[in-house]
């Protein structure tokens, strides 16, 4: 039996069952068939685009171990931001 192939950090493809498994946190994983996964990704991409264009959110950029990363924040009601 072959082991699932890691597609990205926390995401695996099981060729035997044609299932994509997404790890969420340390204790939860969600299994999708291929078409469900694709639809899920499209929905996530749309939501991410909407969040980028929403003035209620701030996207912070930082570097960790030489890799540029981003983090999402809800904009504070007050003008003071750390």
Protein backbone atom coordinates (compact mmCIF):
# COMPACT_ATOMS: atom_id res chain seq x y z
CA UNK A 1 0.00 0.00 0.00
CA UNK A 2 1.42 3.39 -0.94
CA UNK A 3 1.63 6.28 1.48
CA UNK A 4 -0.19 9.57 0.77
CA UNK A 5 1.90 12.17 -1.07
CA UNK A 6 2.38 15.50 0.71
CA UNK A 7 1.24 18.28 -1.66
CA UNK A 8 1.90 21.16 0.73
CA UNK A 9 2.36 21.54 4.46
CA UNK A 10 -0.59 19.73 6.07
CA UNK A 11 -2.16 18.61 2.76
CA UNK A 12 -1.81 15.08 1.36
CA UNK A 13 -3.07 13.18 -1.68
CA UNK A 14 -3.99 9.52 -1.20
CA UNK A 15 -3.64 7.97 -4.65
CA UNK A 16 -5.35 4.74 -3.57
CA UNK A 17 -8.63 6.42 -2.62
CA UNK A 18 -8.24 9.58 -4.77
CA UNK A 19 -8.73 11.58 -1.59
CA UNK A 20 -7.12 14.83 -0.52
CA UNK A 21 -6.61 15.15 3.23
CA UNK A 22 -6.24 18.58 4.80
CA UNK A 23 -4.83 18.82 8.32
CA UNK A 24 -6.32 21.58 10.46
CA UNK A 25 -4.41 22.14 13.67
CA UNK A 26 -2.90 19.17 15.46
CA UNK A 27 -5.97 16.98 15.96
CA UNK A 28 -8.32 17.57 13.04
CA UNK A 29 -8.14 16.48 9.41
CA UNK A 30 -10.73 16.73 6.67
CA UNK A 31 -10.87 14.35 3.71
CA UNK A 32 -12.21 15.52 0.34
CA UNK A 33 -12.71 13.73 -2.92
CA UNK A 34 -10.95 15.53 -5.74
CA UNK A 35 -13.94 17.53 -7.03
CA UNK A 36 -14.97 18.57 -3.50
CA UNK A 37 -11.42 19.73 -2.79
CA UNK A 38 -11.29 21.80 -5.99
CA UNK A 39 -14.61 23.48 -5.15
CA UNK A 40 -13.39 24.12 -1.60
CA UNK A 41 -10.21 25.76 -2.95
CA UNK A 42 -12.20 27.99 -5.29
CA UNK A 43 -14.41 29.09 -2.38
CA UNK A 44 -11.35 29.79 -0.21
CA UNK A 45 -9.72 31.80 -3.04
CA UNK A 46 -12.88 33.88 -3.44
CA UNK A 47 -13.11 34.47 0.34
CA UNK A 48 -9.43 35.46 0.48
CA UNK A 49 -9.96 37.98 -2.32
CA UNK A 50 -13.00 39.44 -0.54
CA UNK A 51 -11.02 39.76 2.70
CA UNK A 52 -8.15 41.54 0.90
CA UNK A 53 -10.62 44.11 -0.40
CA UNK A 54 -12.45 44.56 2.91
CA UNK A 55 -11.38 47.64 4.87
CA UNK A 56 -12.13 45.85 8.17
CA UNK A 57 -9.04 43.66 7.78
CA UNK A 58 -5.31 44.31 7.78
CA UNK A 59 -2.78 41.94 6.26
CA UNK A 60 0.53 42.08 8.07
CA UNK A 61 3.77 40.97 6.43
CA UNK A 62 6.67 39.50 8.38
CA UNK A 63 9.68 37.29 7.86
CA UNK A 64 10.26 33.95 9.57
CA UNK A 65 13.37 31.86 8.94
CA UNK A 66 14.10 33.90 5.83
CA UNK A 67 10.61 33.30 4.38
CA UNK A 68 8.15 36.17 3.90
CA UNK A 69 4.78 35.36 5.45
CA UNK A 70 1.50 37.17 5.95
CA UNK A 71 -0.97 37.28 8.82
CA UNK A 72 -4.57 38.46 8.86
CA UNK A 73 -5.82 40.87 11.52
CA UNK A 74 -9.20 42.40 12.19
CA UNK A 75 -8.78 46.17 12.11
CA UNK A 76 -9.18 47.77 15.52
CA UNK A 77 -12.04 50.19 16.14
CA UNK A 78 -9.53 52.54 17.75
CA UNK A 79 -6.83 54.29 15.76
CA UNK A 80 -4.04 52.89 17.92
CA UNK A 81 -2.44 49.87 16.24
CA UNK A 82 0.70 48.11 17.52
